[in-house]
Amino acid sequence: MRITPLDIRKQPFPRALRGFDPDAVNSFLEMVAGEYEAIIRQNSEFGTQIKTLEQKLESYIKIERVLNETLLSAQKATDEARVNAQKEAELILKDAKIRADRYEDEARQRVHKHESELVSLRNQRDSFLARFKAMLSTQLNLLEVISGDLKQGSEEKGGVSEQYGDDETMDEVPPQPNLSSLDS
């Protein structure tokens, strides 16, 4: 059972012949009731403060929980971003390596093609020179035969100038190159 300040003030005491002075008892009870009332009021204020502080504490705990969750989410997002960036960097490096290998292969193919073309051109040059030498050799042989025939015919008919007149066309023919220098 709870005692209120009113209970203290209204508490009846039986009268005895040689008892305490009723005014002193009443004055003391009034003083105790006042103190008790102040303590109850203070206790009530403390209760209200406690409830307010508990609400604030609960709010702060929620905020702390949200901040912790946010921090964990941010950490997780940072880790994922780092992993994704690392994967993307690896993909970029792989792609660059693949492209570099492809460019290198294309360059090798072009070099090989140019080397093949160069060999083909050299072969064509050598073939042309061989045919040209053969043709020149044939023409020289033919000239020698014709020249030999002309000399022989002029000796038989009395000379070339008598047969063809004083034509100096043979004198105007430039000297022919030496075929032995073309062989090298």
C-alpha atoms as a PDB file:
ATOM      1  CA  MET A   1       0.000   0.000   0.000  1.00  0.00           C
ATOM      2  CA  ARG A   2       1.295   3.426  -0.997  1.00  0.00           C
ATOM      3  CA  ILE A   3       1.209   6.271   1.433  1.00  0.00           C
ATOM      4  CA  THR A   4       0.314   9.655   0.017  1.00  0.00           C
ATOM      5  CA  PRO A   5       0.982  13.038   1.657  1.00  0.00           C
ATOM      6  CA  LEU A   6      -2.746  13.276   2.309  1.00  0.00           C
ATOM      7  CA  ASP A   7      -2.616   9.973   4.230  1.00  0.00           C
ATOM      8  CA  ILE A   8       0.162  11.364   6.373  1.00  0.00           C
ATOM      9  CA  ARG A   9      -1.772  14.577   7.067  1.00  0.00           C
ATOM     10  CA  LYS A  10      -5.020  12.821   7.890  1.00  0.00           C
ATOM     11  CA  GLN A  11      -3.600   9.968   9.907  1.00  0.00           C
ATOM     12  CA  PRO A  12      -5.603   9.757  13.134  1.00  0.00           C
ATOM     13  CA  PHE A  13      -3.802   8.770  16.313  1.00  0.00           C
ATOM     14  CA  PRO A  14      -5.669   7.552  19.420  1.00  0.00           C
ATOM     15  CA  ARG A  15      -5.586   9.895  22.398  1.00  0.00           C
ATOM     16  CA  ALA A  16      -3.756   8.766  25.395  1.00  0.00           C
ATOM     17  CA  LEU A  17      -3.393  10.356  28.736  1.00  0.00           C
ATOM     18  CA  ARG A  18       0.227  10.891  28.682  1.00  0.00           C
ATOM     19  CA  GLY A  19       0.801  10.933  24.936  1.00  0.00           C
ATOM     20  CA  PHE A  20       2.690  13.250  22.634  1.00  0.00           C
ATOM     21  CA  ASP A  21       1.726  16.812  22.107  1.00  0.00           C
ATOM     22  CA  PRO A  22      -0.834  16.769  19.288  1.00  0.00           C
ATOM     23  CA  ASP A  23       0.369  20.089  17.817  1.00  0.00           C
ATOM     24  CA  ALA A  24       3.965  18.904  17.641  1.00  0.00           C
ATOM     25  CA  VAL A  25       2.883  15.631  16.091  1.00  0.00           C
ATOM     26  CA  ASN A  26       0.655  17.441  13.578  1.00  0.00           C
ATOM     27  CA  SER A  27       3.391  19.919  12.748  1.00  0.00           C
ATOM     28  CA  PHE A  28       5.899  17.085  12.290  1.00  0.00           C
ATOM     29  CA  LEU A  29       3.419  15.136  10.139  1.00  0.00           C
ATOM     30  CA  GLU A  30       2.829  18.260   8.037  1.00  0.00           C
ATOM     31  CA  MET A  31       6.568  18.662   7.539  1.00  0.00           C
ATOM     32  CA  VAL A  32       6.975  14.956   6.606  1.00  0.00           C
ATOM     33  CA  ALA A  33       3.995  15.178   4.252  1.00  0.00           C
ATOM     34  CA  GLY A  34       5.526  18.263   2.548  1.00  0.00           C
ATOM     35  CA  GLU A  35       8.889  16.544   2.120  1.00  0.00           C
ATOM     36  CA  TYR A  36       7.176  13.408   0.917  1.00  0.00           C
ATOM     37  CA  GLU A  37       5.148  15.456  -1.575  1.00  0.00           C
ATOM     38  CA  ALA A  38       8.316  17.160  -2.828  1.00  0.00           C
ATOM     39  CA  ILE A  39      10.001  13.768  -3.217  1.00  0.00           C
ATOM     40  CA  ILE A  40       6.969  12.406  -5.123  1.00  0.00           C
ATOM     41  CA  ARG A  41       6.965  15.513  -7.378  1.00  0.00           C
ATOM     42  CA  GLN A  42      10.707  15.188  -7.925  1.00  0.00           C
ATOM     43  CA  ASN A  43      10.304  11.470  -8.576  1.00  0.00           C
ATOM     44  CA  SER A  44       7.577  12.241 -11.124  1.00  0.00           C
ATOM     45  CA  GLU A  45       9.834  14.815 -12.834  1.00  0.00           C
ATOM     46  CA  PHE A  46      12.669  12.304 -12.866  1.00  0.00           C
ATOM     47  CA  GLY A  47      10.304   9.715 -14.344  1.00  0.00           C
ATOM     48  CA  THR A  48       9.324  12.180 -17.082  1.00  0.00           C
ATOM     49  CA  GLN A  49      13.001  13.016 -17.694  1.00  0.00           C
ATOM     50  CA  ILE A  50      13.844   9.320 -17.783  1.00  0.00           C
ATOM     51  CA  LYS A  51      11.088   8.682 -20.349  1.00  0.00           C
ATOM     52  CA  THR A  52      12.308  11.632 -22.437  1.00  0.00           C
ATOM     53  CA  LEU A  53      15.890  10.479 -22.185  1.00  0.00           C
ATOM     54  CA  GLU A  54      14.911   6.896 -22.979  1.00  0.00           C
ATOM     55  CA  GLN A  55      13.053   8.144 -26.078  1.00  0.00           C
ATOM     56  CA  LYS A  56      16.079  10.187 -27.097  1.00  0.00           C
ATOM     57  CA  LEU A  57      18.333   7.224 -26.385  1.00  0.00           C
ATOM     58  CA  GLU A  58      16.082   4.980 -28.462  1.00  0.00           C
ATOM     59  CA  SER A  59      16.159   7.583 -31.239  1.00  0.00           C
ATOM     60  CA  TYR A  60      19.955   7.768 -31.001  1.00  0.00           C
ATOM     61  CA  ILE A  61      20.172   3.983 -31.023  1.00  0.00           C
ATOM     62  CA  LYS A  62      18.042   3.921 -34.185  1.00  0.00           C
ATOM     63  CA  ILE A  63      20.234   6.610 -35.735  1.00  0.00           C
ATOM     64  CA  GLU A  64      23.338   4.666 -34.738  1.00  0.00           C
ATOM     65  CA  ARG A  65      21.858   1.497 -36.243  1.00  0.00           C
ATOM     66  CA  VAL A  66      21.009   3.359 -39.461  1.00  0.00           C
ATOM     67  CA  LEU A  67      24.493   4.896 -39.536  1.00  0.00           C
ATOM     68  CA  ASN A  68      26.084   1.501 -38.964  1.00  0.00           C
ATOM     69  CA  GLU A  69      23.942  -0.029 -41.705  1.00  0.00           C
ATOM     70  CA  THR A  70      24.786   2.894 -43.984  1.00  0.00           C
ATOM     71  CA  LEU A  71      28.456   2.537 -43.164  1.00  0.00           C
ATOM     72  CA  LEU A  72      28.314  -1.188 -43.863  1.00  0.00           C
ATOM     73  CA  SER A  73      26.414  -0.552 -47.095  1.00  0.00           C
ATOM     74  CA  ALA A  74      28.945   2.082 -48.105  1.00  0.00           C
ATOM     75  CA  GLN A  75      31.806  -0.267 -47.257  1.00  0.00           C
ATOM     76  CA  LYS A  76      30.147  -3.041 -49.211  1.00  0.00           C
ATOM     77  CA  ALA A  77      29.475  -0.697 -52.145  1.00  0.00           C
ATOM     78  CA  THR A  78      33.095   0.478 -52.003  1.00  0.00           C
ATOM     79  CA  ASP A  79      34.340  -3.098 -51.985  1.00  0.00           C
ATOM     80  CA  GLU A  80      32.036  -3.990 -54.880  1.00  0.00           C
ATOM     81  CA  ALA A  81      33.123  -0.881 -56.775  1.00  0.00           C
ATOM     82  CA  ARG A  82      36.774  -1.788 -56.168  1.00  0.00           C
ATOM     83  CA  VAL A  83      36.168  -5.358 -57.339  1.00  0.00           C
ATOM     84  CA  ASN A  84      34.209  -4.133 -60.364  1.00  0.00           C
ATOM     85  CA  ALA A  85      36.903  -1.587 -61.189  1.00  0.00           C
ATOM     86  CA  GLN A  86      39.551  -4.288 -60.903  1.00  0.00           C
ATOM     87  CA  LYS A  87      37.519  -6.602 -63.161  1.00  0.00           C
ATOM     88  CA  GLU A  88      36.964  -3.778 -65.630  1.00  0.00           C
ATOM     89  CA  ALA A  89      40.681  -2.979 -65.586  1.00  0.00           C
ATOM     90  CA  GLU A  90      41.460  -6.639 -66.240  1.00  0.00           C
ATOM     91  CA  LEU A  91      38.952  -6.679 -69.121  1.00  0.00           C
ATOM     92  CA  ILE A  92      40.468  -3.498 -70.560  1.00  0.00           C
ATOM     93  CA  LEU A  93      43.954  -5.008 -70.311  1.00  0.00           C
ATOM     94  CA  LYS A  94      42.761  -8.252 -71.933  1.00  0.00           C
ATOM     95  CA  ASP A  95      41.040  -6.318 -74.701  1.00  0.00           C
ATOM     96  CA  ALA A  96      44.139  -4.185 -75.225  1.00  0.00           C
ATOM     97  CA  LYS A  97      46.326  -7.307 -75.335  1.00  0.00           C
ATOM     98  CA  ILE A  98      43.973  -8.965 -77.824  1.00  0.00           C
ATOM     99  CA  ARG A  99      43.977  -5.838 -80.004  1.00  0.00           C
ATOM    100  CA  ALA A 100      47.751  -5.535 -79.714  1.00  0.00           C
ATOM    101  CA  ASP A 101      48.142  -9.189 -80.716  1.00  0.00           C
ATOM    102  CA  ARG A 102      45.748  -8.654 -83.620  1.00  0.00           C
ATOM    103  CA  TYR A 103      47.664  -5.543 -84.748  1.00  0.00           C
ATOM    104  CA  GLU A 104      50.922  -7.427 -84.404  1.00  0.00           C
ATOM    105  CA  ASP A 105      49.533 -10.318 -86.478  1.00  0.00           C
ATOM    106  CA  GLU A 106      48.243  -7.884 -89.100  1.00  0.00           C
ATOM    107  CA  ALA A 107      51.633  -6.159 -89.199  1.00  0.00           C
ATOM    108  CA  ARG A 108      53.393  -9.517 -89.575  1.00  0.00           C
ATOM    109  CA  GLN A 109      50.999 -10.459 -92.371  1.00  0.00           C
ATOM    110  CA  ARG A 110      51.654  -7.136 -94.115  1.00  0.00           C
ATOM    111  CA  VAL A 111      55.415  -7.604 -93.717  1.00  0.00           C
ATOM    112  CA  HIS A 112      55.124 -11.149 -95.053  1.00  0.00           C
ATOM    113  CA  LYS A 113      52.985  -9.897 -97.946  1.00  0.00           C
ATOM    114  CA  HIS A 114      55.478  -7.143 -98.743  1.00  0.00           C
ATOM    115  CA  GLU A 115      58.359  -9.605 -98.512  1.00  0.00           C
ATOM    116  CA  SER A 116      56.479 -11.944-100.860  1.00  0.00           C
ATOM    117  CA  GLU A 117      55.824  -9.066-103.242  1.00  0.00           C
ATOM    118  CA  LEU A 118      59.486  -8.059-103.036  1.00  0.00           C
ATOM    119  CA  VAL A 119      60.581 -11.623-103.818  1.00  0.00           C
ATOM    120  CA  SER A 120      58.085 -11.724-106.681  1.00  0.00           C
ATOM    121  CA  LEU A 121      59.344  -8.390-108.034  1.00  0.00           C
ATOM    122  CA  ARG A 122      62.945  -9.572-107.753  1.00  0.00           C
ATOM    123  CA  ASN A 123      62.009 -12.775-109.586  1.00  0.00           C
ATOM    124  CA  GLN A 124      60.233 -10.737-112.269  1.00  0.00           C
ATOM    125  CA  ARG A 125      63.266  -8.434-112.545  1.00  0.00           C
ATOM    126  CA  ASP A 126      65.634 -11.405-112.804  1.00  0.00           C
ATOM    127  CA  SER A 127      63.368 -13.065-115.354  1.00  0.00           C
ATOM    128  CA  PHE A 128      63.112  -9.834-117.355  1.00  0.00           C
ATOM    129  CA  LEU A 129      66.886  -9.349-117.264  1.00  0.00           C
ATOM    130  CA  ALA A 130      67.476 -12.954-118.316  1.00  0.00           C
ATOM    131  CA  ARG A 131      64.997 -12.635-121.205  1.00  0.00           C
ATOM    132  CA  PHE A 132      66.413  -9.248-122.157  1.00  0.00           C
ATOM    133  CA  LYS A 133      69.957 -10.655-122.115  1.00  0.00           C
ATOM    134  CA  ALA A 134      68.795 -13.625-124.156  1.00  0.00           C
ATOM    135  CA  MET A 135      67.054 -11.328-126.614  1.00  0.00           C
ATOM    136  CA  LEU A 136      70.093  -9.063-126.856  1.00  0.00           C
ATOM    137  CA  SER A 137      72.332 -12.051-127.261  1.00  0.00           C
ATOM    138  CA  THR A 138      70.053 -13.366-129.983  1.00  0.00           C
ATOM    139  CA  GLN A 139      69.969  -9.965-131.695  1.00  0.00           C
ATOM    140  CA  LEU A 140      73.748  -9.679-131.471  1.00  0.00           C
ATOM    141  CA  ASN A 141      74.140 -13.128-132.917  1.00  0.00           C
ATOM    142  CA  LEU A 142      71.700 -12.188-135.648  1.00  0.00           C
ATOM    143  CA  LEU A 143      73.649  -8.952-136.290  1.00  0.00           C
ATOM    144  CA  GLU A 144      76.865 -10.905-136.472  1.00  0.00           C
ATOM    145  CA  VAL A 145      75.301 -13.311-138.936  1.00  0.00           C
ATOM    146  CA  ILE A 146      73.890 -10.456-140.993  1.00  0.00           C
ATOM    147  CA  SER A 147      77.151  -8.563-140.736  1.00  0.00           C
ATOM    148  CA  GLY A 148      79.039 -11.699-141.759  1.00  0.00           C
ATOM    149  CA  ASP A 149      76.676 -12.225-144.663  1.00  0.00           C
ATOM    150  CA  LEU A 150      77.053  -8.600-145.705  1.00  0.00           C
ATOM    151  CA  LYS A 151      80.818  -8.765-145.590  1.00  0.00           C
ATOM    152  CA  GLN A 152      80.810 -11.980-147.512  1.00  0.00           C
ATOM    153  CA  GLY A 153      78.363 -10.626-150.048  1.00  0.00           C
ATOM    154  CA  SER A 154      80.302  -7.375-150.467  1.00  0.00           C
ATOM    155  CA  GLU A 155      83.489  -9.218-151.022  1.00  0.00           C
ATOM    156  CA  GLU A 156      81.791 -11.257-153.667  1.00  0.00           C
ATOM    157  CA  LYS A 157      80.167  -8.270-155.379  1.00  0.00           C
ATOM    158  CA  GLY A 158      82.875  -5.765-154.937  1.00  0.00           C
ATOM    159  CA  GLY A 159      82.206  -4.052-151.619  1.00  0.00           C
ATOM    160  CA  VAL A 160      79.333  -2.684-149.703  1.00  0.00           C
ATOM    161  CA  SER A 161      79.640   0.928-150.834  1.00  0.00           C
ATOM    162  CA  GLU A 162      79.332  -0.048-154.434  1.00  0.00           C
ATOM    163  CA  GLN A 163      76.231  -2.113-153.798  1.00  0.00           C
ATOM    164  CA  TYR A 164      74.419   0.317-151.460  1.00  0.00           C
ATOM    165  CA  GLY A 165      76.011   3.554-152.487  1.00  0.00           C
ATOM    166  CA  ASP A 166      77.770   5.883-150.090  1.00  0.00           C
ATOM    167  CA  ASP A 167      75.192   5.316-147.380  1.00  0.00           C
ATOM    168  CA  GLU A 168      76.762   5.948-143.979  1.00  0.00           C
ATOM    169  CA  THR A 169      73.963   4.505-141.873  1.00  0.00           C
ATOM    170  CA  MET A 170      76.191   1.858-140.389  1.00  0.00           C
ATOM    171  CA  ASP A 171      78.566   4.541-139.202  1.00  0.00           C
ATOM    172  CA  GLU A 172      75.735   6.278-137.309  1.00  0.00           C
ATOM    173  CA  VAL A 173      74.888   3.207-135.193  1.00  0.00           C
ATOM    174  CA  PRO A 174      76.068   3.846-131.629  1.00  0.00           C
ATOM    175  CA  PRO A 175      78.460   1.390-130.019  1.00  0.00           C
ATOM    176  CA  GLN A 176      76.706  -1.582-128.391  1.00  0.00           C
ATOM    177  CA  PRO A 177      77.118  -2.357-124.679  1.00  0.00           C
ATOM    178  CA  ASN A 178      79.228  -5.250-123.570  1.00  0.00           C
ATOM    179  CA  LEU A 179      76.895  -8.116-122.605  1.00  0.00           C
ATOM    180  CA  SER A 180      79.371  -9.558-120.148  1.00  0.00           C
ATOM    181  CA  SER A 181      78.801  -6.534-117.855  1.00  0.00           C
ATOM    182  CA  LEU A 182      75.022  -7.248-117.778  1.00  0.00           C
ATOM    183  CA  ASP A 183      75.544 -10.778-116.424  1.00  0.00           C
ATOM    184  CA  SER A 184      76.484  -9.528-112.977  1.00  0.00           C
END
